[in-house]
């Protein structure tokens, strides 16, 4: 019946946790099999975007060392 309370419509936290874990395992399997690929992102110190150039000057070494290992959906 429409019009239930938010509490009645809210998903069970344990179900949400289990579904997130299931999704995480599926993504990891797809990455390992090569079906999914996380693209390599690059930063351009010659970029016309001044924000990108400033970011590279300030913390460029962090960008160079950072590698995505997992994804999080909140």
N, C-alpha and C. Protein backbone atom coordinates (compact mmCIF):
# COMPACT_ATOMS: atom_id res chain seq x y z
N UNK A 1 0.84 -1.17 0.00
CA UNK A 1 0.00 0.00 0.00
C UNK A 1 0.88 1.24 0.00
N UNK A 2 0.67 2.20 -0.94
CA UNK A 2 1.50 3.40 -0.98
C UNK A 2 1.29 4.25 0.26
N UNK A 3 2.27 5.05 0.55
CA UNK A 3 2.14 5.97 1.67
C UNK A 3 2.66 5.42 2.98
N UNK A 4 3.47 4.38 2.92
CA UNK A 4 4.05 3.82 4.13
C UNK A 4 5.02 4.82 4.75
N UNK A 5 5.37 4.59 5.99
CA UNK A 5 6.34 5.47 6.64
C UNK A 5 7.72 5.20 6.08
N UNK A 6 8.61 6.16 6.31
CA UNK A 6 9.98 5.98 5.84
C UNK A 6 10.61 4.75 6.48
N UNK A 7 10.27 4.51 7.73
CA UNK A 7 10.82 3.35 8.43
C UNK A 7 10.37 2.04 7.77
N UNK A 8 9.11 2.00 7.35
CA UNK A 8 8.60 0.81 6.68
C UNK A 8 9.23 0.61 5.31
N UNK A 9 9.56 1.72 4.62
CA UNK A 9 10.13 1.66 3.28
C UNK A 9 11.64 1.48 3.27
N UNK A 10 12.28 1.69 4.41
CA UNK A 10 13.74 1.62 4.49
C UNK A 10 14.21 0.18 4.32
N UNK A 11 15.29 -0.02 3.53
CA UNK A 11 15.81 -1.38 3.37
C UNK A 11 16.49 -1.86 4.66
N UNK A 12 16.49 -3.15 4.84
CA UNK A 12 17.16 -3.75 5.99
C UNK A 12 18.66 -3.52 5.87
N UNK A 13 19.30 -2.95 6.91
CA UNK A 13 20.74 -2.67 6.85
C UNK A 13 21.59 -3.90 6.54
N UNK A 14 21.21 -5.04 7.06
CA UNK A 14 21.97 -6.27 6.79
C UNK A 14 21.86 -6.69 5.33
N UNK A 15 20.67 -6.48 4.74
CA UNK A 15 20.48 -6.79 3.32
C UNK A 15 21.33 -5.87 2.47
N UNK A 16 21.35 -4.58 2.82
CA UNK A 16 22.16 -3.61 2.09
C UNK A 16 23.63 -4.00 2.17
N UNK A 17 24.09 -4.35 3.37
CA UNK A 17 25.49 -4.75 3.56
C UNK A 17 25.83 -5.97 2.72
N UNK A 18 24.94 -6.95 2.70
CA UNK A 18 25.17 -8.17 1.93
C UNK A 18 25.20 -7.87 0.43
N UNK A 19 24.31 -7.00 -0.03
CA UNK A 19 24.27 -6.65 -1.45
C UNK A 19 25.53 -5.88 -1.86
N UNK A 20 26.01 -4.99 -1.00
CA UNK A 20 27.25 -4.26 -1.29
C UNK A 20 28.43 -5.22 -1.40
N UNK A 21 28.48 -6.20 -0.49
CA UNK A 21 29.56 -7.20 -0.52
C UNK A 21 29.47 -8.03 -1.80
N UNK A 22 28.25 -8.40 -2.17
CA UNK A 22 28.04 -9.17 -3.40
C UNK A 22 28.51 -8.36 -4.62
N UNK A 23 28.16 -7.08 -4.64
CA UNK A 23 28.59 -6.21 -5.74
C UNK A 23 30.11 -6.07 -5.78
N UNK A 24 30.72 -5.90 -4.61
CA UNK A 24 32.18 -5.78 -4.53
C UNK A 24 32.86 -7.03 -5.11
N UNK A 25 32.38 -8.20 -4.73
CA UNK A 25 32.96 -9.45 -5.22
C UNK A 25 32.78 -9.59 -6.73
N UNK A 26 31.61 -9.19 -7.22
CA UNK A 26 31.34 -9.28 -8.67
C UNK A 26 32.28 -8.34 -9.44
N UNK A 27 32.45 -7.12 -8.96
CA UNK A 27 33.34 -6.17 -9.63
C UNK A 27 34.78 -6.68 -9.61
N UNK A 28 35.22 -7.21 -8.47
CA UNK A 28 36.58 -7.75 -8.39
C UNK A 28 36.77 -8.90 -9.38
N UNK A 29 35.76 -9.76 -9.52
CA UNK A 29 35.85 -10.88 -10.47
C UNK A 29 35.89 -10.36 -11.91
N UNK A 30 35.09 -9.37 -12.22
CA UNK A 30 35.09 -8.80 -13.57
C UNK A 30 36.41 -8.10 -13.88
N UNK A 31 37.00 -7.43 -12.90
CA UNK A 31 38.31 -6.80 -13.10
C UNK A 31 39.38 -7.87 -13.34
N UNK A 32 39.36 -8.92 -12.52
CA UNK A 32 40.37 -9.98 -12.64
C UNK A 32 40.27 -10.71 -13.98
N UNK A 33 39.06 -10.85 -14.51
CA UNK A 33 38.89 -11.57 -15.77
C UNK A 33 39.09 -10.67 -17.00
N UNK A 34 39.25 -9.37 -16.74
CA UNK A 34 39.49 -8.46 -17.86
C UNK A 34 38.22 -7.95 -18.53
N UNK A 35 37.06 -8.29 -17.99
CA UNK A 35 35.80 -7.80 -18.56
C UNK A 35 35.65 -6.31 -18.28
N UNK A 36 36.01 -5.90 -17.07
CA UNK A 36 36.02 -4.48 -16.70
C UNK A 36 37.45 -3.99 -16.66
N UNK A 37 37.63 -2.75 -17.00
CA UNK A 37 38.95 -2.14 -16.90
C UNK A 37 38.81 -0.75 -16.30
N UNK A 38 39.66 -0.44 -15.37
CA UNK A 38 39.70 0.90 -14.81
C UNK A 38 40.69 1.69 -15.66
N UNK A 39 40.21 2.72 -16.34
CA UNK A 39 41.11 3.45 -17.24
C UNK A 39 42.20 4.19 -16.47
N UNK A 40 43.34 4.31 -17.11
CA UNK A 40 44.43 5.08 -16.55
C UNK A 40 44.11 6.56 -16.77
N UNK A 41 44.15 7.33 -15.70
CA UNK A 41 43.90 8.76 -15.81
C UNK A 41 45.23 9.49 -15.72
N UNK A 42 45.38 10.50 -16.51
CA UNK A 42 46.62 11.27 -16.49
C UNK A 42 46.32 12.73 -16.17
N UNK A 43 47.30 13.37 -15.60
CA UNK A 43 47.21 14.80 -15.31
C UNK A 43 48.17 15.51 -16.25
N UNK A 44 47.71 16.59 -16.83
CA UNK A 44 48.48 17.32 -17.83
C UNK A 44 49.03 18.62 -17.24
N UNK A 45 50.34 18.69 -17.00
CA UNK A 45 50.91 19.92 -16.44
C UNK A 45 50.82 21.10 -17.41
N UNK A 46 50.53 20.84 -18.67
CA UNK A 46 50.37 21.89 -19.69
C UNK A 46 48.89 22.17 -19.97
N UNK A 47 48.00 21.68 -19.13
CA UNK A 47 46.56 21.81 -19.34
C UNK A 47 46.13 23.27 -19.44
N UNK A 48 45.15 23.54 -20.30
CA UNK A 48 44.61 24.90 -20.35
C UNK A 48 43.79 25.23 -19.08
N UNK A 49 43.41 24.21 -18.32
CA UNK A 49 42.66 24.43 -17.08
C UNK A 49 43.63 24.82 -15.98
N UNK A 50 43.54 26.06 -15.54
CA UNK A 50 44.46 26.57 -14.53
C UNK A 50 44.36 25.78 -13.23
N UNK A 51 43.15 25.28 -12.89
CA UNK A 51 42.99 24.50 -11.66
C UNK A 51 43.80 23.21 -11.70
N UNK A 52 43.86 22.58 -12.87
CA UNK A 52 44.63 21.35 -13.01
C UNK A 52 46.13 21.65 -12.86
N UNK A 53 46.60 22.72 -13.46
CA UNK A 53 48.03 23.08 -13.35
C UNK A 53 48.40 23.39 -11.91
N UNK A 54 47.55 24.14 -11.21
CA UNK A 54 47.82 24.49 -9.81
C UNK A 54 47.82 23.22 -8.95
N UNK A 55 46.86 22.33 -9.17
CA UNK A 55 46.80 21.09 -8.40
C UNK A 55 48.07 20.27 -8.60
N UNK A 56 48.53 20.19 -9.83
CA UNK A 56 49.75 19.42 -10.12
C UNK A 56 50.95 20.03 -9.42
N UNK A 57 51.05 21.35 -9.43
CA UNK A 57 52.18 22.01 -8.76
C UNK A 57 52.15 21.76 -7.25
N UNK A 58 50.95 21.78 -6.68
CA UNK A 58 50.84 21.67 -5.22
C UNK A 58 50.99 20.24 -4.71
N UNK A 59 50.33 19.29 -5.38
CA UNK A 59 50.35 17.92 -4.85
C UNK A 59 50.53 16.88 -5.95
N UNK A 60 51.27 17.23 -6.97
CA UNK A 60 51.48 16.33 -8.11
C UNK A 60 52.09 14.99 -7.74
N UNK A 61 52.95 14.96 -6.73
CA UNK A 61 53.57 13.68 -6.37
C UNK A 61 52.54 12.70 -5.82
N UNK A 62 51.51 13.21 -5.17
CA UNK A 62 50.45 12.33 -4.66
C UNK A 62 49.70 11.72 -5.84
N UNK A 63 49.38 12.55 -6.86
CA UNK A 63 48.68 12.04 -8.03
C UNK A 63 49.49 10.95 -8.72
N UNK A 64 50.77 11.13 -8.79
CA UNK A 64 51.63 10.16 -9.47
C UNK A 64 51.68 8.82 -8.75
N UNK A 65 51.58 8.84 -7.44
CA UNK A 65 51.71 7.61 -6.65
C UNK A 65 50.37 6.91 -6.42
N UNK A 66 49.26 7.59 -6.62
CA UNK A 66 47.94 7.05 -6.29
C UNK A 66 47.47 6.06 -7.34
N UNK A 67 46.98 4.92 -6.87
CA UNK A 67 46.40 3.92 -7.76
C UNK A 67 45.07 3.45 -7.16
N UNK A 68 44.03 3.44 -7.99
CA UNK A 68 42.73 2.98 -7.53
C UNK A 68 42.77 1.46 -7.38
N UNK A 69 42.39 0.98 -6.21
CA UNK A 69 42.35 -0.46 -5.96
C UNK A 69 40.92 -0.96 -5.80
N UNK A 70 40.07 -0.12 -5.25
CA UNK A 70 38.67 -0.51 -5.05
C UNK A 70 37.77 0.68 -5.31
N UNK A 71 36.50 0.37 -5.49
CA UNK A 71 35.48 1.40 -5.67
C UNK A 71 34.55 1.37 -4.48
N UNK A 72 33.98 2.50 -4.16
CA UNK A 72 33.01 2.56 -3.09
C UNK A 72 31.77 3.31 -3.56
N UNK A 73 30.62 2.71 -3.40
CA UNK A 73 29.37 3.38 -3.72
C UNK A 73 28.65 3.62 -2.41
N UNK A 74 28.42 4.89 -2.10
CA UNK A 74 27.79 5.22 -0.81
C UNK A 74 26.31 5.33 -0.87
